[in-house]
């Protein structure tokens, strides 16, 4: 990986952390588990900062049972 790819990957990590923090603050819930379910790799600092909010639990069961085949279209 060259410097540009490293910088791009680092910027993406920062962006995902920022989104998780902003959304958690806005809804007043710790959404880190939600974003992690979708494969977001959040920093330990983001997890720690969001611990001050109650854990988001509403709808987590729906994530585990949602049928993505119904919304995915082969292109």
N, C-alpha and C. Protein backbone atom coordinates (compact mmCIF):
# COMPACT_ATOMS: atom_id res chain seq x y z
N UNK A 1 0.85 -1.18 0.00
CA UNK A 1 0.00 0.00 0.00
C UNK A 1 0.89 1.24 0.00
N UNK A 2 0.62 2.18 -0.87
CA UNK A 2 1.44 3.38 -0.90
C UNK A 2 0.87 4.46 0.02
N UNK A 3 1.54 5.59 0.06
CA UNK A 3 1.17 6.66 0.98
C UNK A 3 -0.25 7.16 0.74
N UNK A 4 -0.63 7.36 -0.52
CA UNK A 4 -1.97 7.86 -0.83
C UNK A 4 -3.05 6.89 -0.34
N UNK A 5 -2.83 5.60 -0.51
CA UNK A 5 -3.79 4.60 -0.05
C UNK A 5 -3.85 4.58 1.47
N UNK A 6 -2.70 4.71 2.13
CA UNK A 6 -2.67 4.76 3.59
C UNK A 6 -3.44 5.97 4.10
N UNK A 7 -3.19 7.11 3.48
CA UNK A 7 -3.87 8.34 3.90
C UNK A 7 -5.37 8.23 3.65
N UNK A 8 -5.75 7.64 2.53
CA UNK A 8 -7.16 7.47 2.21
C UNK A 8 -7.84 6.54 3.21
N UNK A 9 -7.18 5.46 3.58
CA UNK A 9 -7.74 4.51 4.55
C UNK A 9 -7.87 5.18 5.91
N UNK A 10 -6.88 5.97 6.30
CA UNK A 10 -6.93 6.67 7.58
C UNK A 10 -8.07 7.69 7.58
N UNK A 11 -8.25 8.39 6.49
CA UNK A 11 -9.34 9.37 6.39
C UNK A 11 -10.69 8.67 6.48
N UNK A 12 -10.81 7.51 5.88
CA UNK A 12 -12.07 6.75 5.94
C UNK A 12 -12.36 6.31 7.37
N UNK A 13 -11.33 5.86 8.09
CA UNK A 13 -11.51 5.46 9.49
C UNK A 13 -11.98 6.64 10.33
N UNK A 14 -11.38 7.79 10.11
CA UNK A 14 -11.77 9.00 10.85
C UNK A 14 -13.21 9.36 10.52
N UNK A 15 -13.58 9.25 9.26
CA UNK A 15 -14.94 9.60 8.83
C UNK A 15 -15.96 8.68 9.49
N UNK A 16 -15.69 7.37 9.52
CA UNK A 16 -16.62 6.43 10.15
C UNK A 16 -16.75 6.69 11.64
N UNK A 17 -15.63 6.97 12.31
CA UNK A 17 -15.68 7.32 13.73
C UNK A 17 -16.54 8.56 13.96
N UNK A 18 -16.35 9.56 13.11
CA UNK A 18 -17.11 10.80 13.26
C UNK A 18 -18.60 10.56 13.08
N UNK A 19 -18.97 9.78 12.07
CA UNK A 19 -20.39 9.46 11.84
C UNK A 19 -20.97 8.74 13.05
N UNK A 20 -20.27 7.75 13.57
CA UNK A 20 -20.77 6.98 14.71
C UNK A 20 -20.94 7.88 15.93
N UNK A 21 -19.99 8.75 16.17
CA UNK A 21 -20.09 9.67 17.31
C UNK A 21 -21.24 10.65 17.14
N UNK A 22 -21.35 11.23 15.93
CA UNK A 22 -22.41 12.22 15.69
C UNK A 22 -23.80 11.59 15.81
N UNK A 23 -24.00 10.44 15.20
CA UNK A 23 -25.31 9.79 15.26
C UNK A 23 -25.64 9.36 16.69
N UNK A 24 -24.67 8.84 17.40
CA UNK A 24 -24.90 8.44 18.79
C UNK A 24 -25.31 9.64 19.63
N UNK A 25 -24.61 10.74 19.45
CA UNK A 25 -24.94 11.96 20.20
C UNK A 25 -26.34 12.46 19.84
N UNK A 26 -26.65 12.44 18.57
CA UNK A 26 -27.94 12.97 18.10
C UNK A 26 -29.13 12.18 18.63
N UNK A 27 -29.00 10.86 18.66
CA UNK A 27 -30.13 10.03 19.12
C UNK A 27 -30.05 9.70 20.61
N UNK A 28 -28.91 10.05 21.23
CA UNK A 28 -28.76 9.79 22.65
C UNK A 28 -28.63 8.31 22.99
N UNK A 29 -28.08 7.54 22.07
CA UNK A 29 -27.87 6.11 22.26
C UNK A 29 -26.48 5.73 21.74
N UNK A 30 -25.91 4.69 22.32
CA UNK A 30 -24.63 4.17 21.84
C UNK A 30 -24.90 3.32 20.61
N UNK A 31 -24.58 3.85 19.45
CA UNK A 31 -24.83 3.15 18.19
C UNK A 31 -23.62 2.37 17.69
N UNK A 32 -22.56 2.30 18.48
CA UNK A 32 -21.37 1.55 18.04
C UNK A 32 -21.69 0.10 17.70
N UNK A 33 -22.49 -0.61 18.52
CA UNK A 33 -22.83 -1.99 18.14
C UNK A 33 -23.58 -2.07 16.80
N UNK A 34 -24.44 -1.09 16.55
CA UNK A 34 -25.20 -1.03 15.30
C UNK A 34 -24.26 -0.90 14.11
N UNK A 35 -23.35 0.08 14.17
CA UNK A 35 -22.43 0.28 13.06
C UNK A 35 -21.46 -0.88 12.92
N UNK A 36 -21.05 -1.47 14.02
CA UNK A 36 -20.16 -2.63 13.96
C UNK A 36 -20.83 -3.82 13.29
N UNK A 37 -22.13 -3.95 13.49
CA UNK A 37 -22.88 -5.03 12.85
C UNK A 37 -22.75 -4.94 11.33
N UNK A 38 -22.64 -3.69 10.83
CA UNK A 38 -22.49 -3.47 9.39
C UNK A 38 -21.04 -3.51 8.94
N UNK A 39 -20.13 -3.87 9.86
CA UNK A 39 -18.74 -4.02 9.47
C UNK A 39 -17.87 -2.80 9.63
N UNK A 40 -18.40 -1.74 10.27
CA UNK A 40 -17.59 -0.55 10.50
C UNK A 40 -16.56 -0.86 11.58
N UNK A 41 -15.31 -0.57 11.33
CA UNK A 41 -14.25 -0.75 12.31
C UNK A 41 -14.04 0.58 13.03
N UNK A 42 -14.61 0.69 14.22
CA UNK A 42 -14.54 1.93 14.97
C UNK A 42 -13.38 1.89 15.95
N UNK A 43 -12.81 3.06 16.21
CA UNK A 43 -11.67 3.15 17.12
C UNK A 43 -12.11 2.93 18.56
N UNK A 44 -11.15 2.56 19.39
CA UNK A 44 -11.45 2.38 20.82
C UNK A 44 -11.88 3.70 21.44
N UNK A 45 -11.36 4.82 20.93
CA UNK A 45 -11.76 6.13 21.43
C UNK A 45 -13.24 6.40 21.16
N UNK A 46 -13.72 5.99 20.00
CA UNK A 46 -15.14 6.18 19.68
C UNK A 46 -16.00 5.31 20.56
N UNK A 47 -15.61 4.05 20.76
CA UNK A 47 -16.36 3.15 21.65
C UNK A 47 -16.42 3.75 23.05
N UNK A 48 -15.28 4.26 23.51
CA UNK A 48 -15.22 4.81 24.87
C UNK A 48 -16.09 6.05 24.99
N UNK A 49 -16.03 6.93 24.00
CA UNK A 49 -16.83 8.16 24.04
C UNK A 49 -18.33 7.86 24.03
N UNK A 50 -18.74 6.84 23.29
CA UNK A 50 -20.16 6.52 23.17
C UNK A 50 -20.69 5.72 24.36
N UNK A 51 -19.81 5.26 25.23
CA UNK A 51 -20.25 4.50 26.41
C UNK A 51 -21.10 5.34 27.36
N UNK A 52 -21.02 6.66 27.24
CA UNK A 52 -21.81 7.52 28.12
C UNK A 52 -23.30 7.48 27.78
N UNK A 53 -23.62 6.98 26.59
CA UNK A 53 -25.02 6.87 26.17
C UNK A 53 -25.54 5.47 26.49
N UNK A 54 -26.85 5.34 26.72
CA UNK A 54 -27.42 3.99 26.89
C UNK A 54 -27.24 3.19 25.60
N UNK A 55 -27.06 1.89 25.75
CA UNK A 55 -26.88 1.02 24.59
C UNK A 55 -28.15 0.98 23.76
N UNK A 56 -27.98 1.08 22.45
CA UNK A 56 -29.12 0.97 21.53
C UNK A 56 -29.53 -0.48 21.45
N UNK A 57 -30.81 -0.75 21.69
CA UNK A 57 -31.28 -2.13 21.63
C UNK A 57 -32.50 -2.29 20.74
N UNK A 58 -33.24 -1.23 20.52
CA UNK A 58 -34.45 -1.32 19.70
C UNK A 58 -34.09 -1.73 18.28
N UNK A 59 -34.71 -2.76 17.79
CA UNK A 59 -34.53 -3.16 16.40
C UNK A 59 -33.33 -4.04 16.13
N UNK A 60 -32.53 -4.37 17.14
CA UNK A 60 -31.36 -5.21 16.87
C UNK A 60 -31.76 -6.59 16.37
N UNK A 61 -32.85 -7.11 16.86
CA UNK A 61 -33.32 -8.40 16.37
C UNK A 61 -33.69 -8.34 14.91
N UNK A 62 -34.22 -7.20 14.47
CA UNK A 62 -34.59 -7.04 13.07
C UNK A 62 -33.36 -7.09 12.18
N UNK A 63 -32.23 -6.58 12.65
CA UNK A 63 -31.01 -6.63 11.85
C UNK A 63 -30.59 -8.07 11.60
N UNK A 64 -30.76 -8.90 12.61
CA UNK A 64 -30.32 -10.29 12.49
C UNK A 64 -31.25 -11.13 11.63
N UNK A 65 -32.50 -10.71 11.46
CA UNK A 65 -33.45 -11.51 10.69
C UNK A 65 -33.82 -10.88 9.35
N UNK A 66 -33.29 -9.69 9.04
CA UNK A 66 -33.63 -9.00 7.81
C UNK A 66 -33.13 -9.79 6.61
N UNK A 67 -33.95 -9.94 5.61
CA UNK A 67 -33.60 -10.70 4.40
C UNK A 67 -33.07 -9.74 3.34
N UNK A 68 -31.74 -9.61 3.26
CA UNK A 68 -31.13 -8.69 2.31
C UNK A 68 -31.30 -9.14 0.87
N UNK A 69 -31.60 -10.40 0.65
CA UNK A 69 -31.81 -10.88 -0.71
C UNK A 69 -33.01 -10.18 -1.36
N UNK A 70 -33.93 -9.69 -0.55
CA UNK A 70 -35.11 -9.03 -1.09
C UNK A 70 -34.80 -7.63 -1.63
N UNK A 71 -33.72 -7.01 -1.16
CA UNK A 71 -33.40 -5.65 -1.58
C UNK A 71 -32.17 -5.58 -2.47
N UNK A 72 -31.43 -6.66 -2.62
CA UNK A 72 -30.23 -6.67 -3.44
C UNK A 72 -30.57 -7.10 -4.86
N UNK A 73 -30.07 -6.34 -5.80
CA UNK A 73 -30.34 -6.63 -7.21
C UNK A 73 -29.02 -6.85 -7.91
N UNK A 74 -28.92 -7.92 -8.67
CA UNK A 74 -27.71 -8.14 -9.45
C UNK A 74 -27.70 -7.16 -10.60
N UNK A 75 -26.55 -6.54 -10.78
CA UNK A 75 -26.41 -5.56 -11.86
C UNK A 75 -25.54 -6.12 -12.93
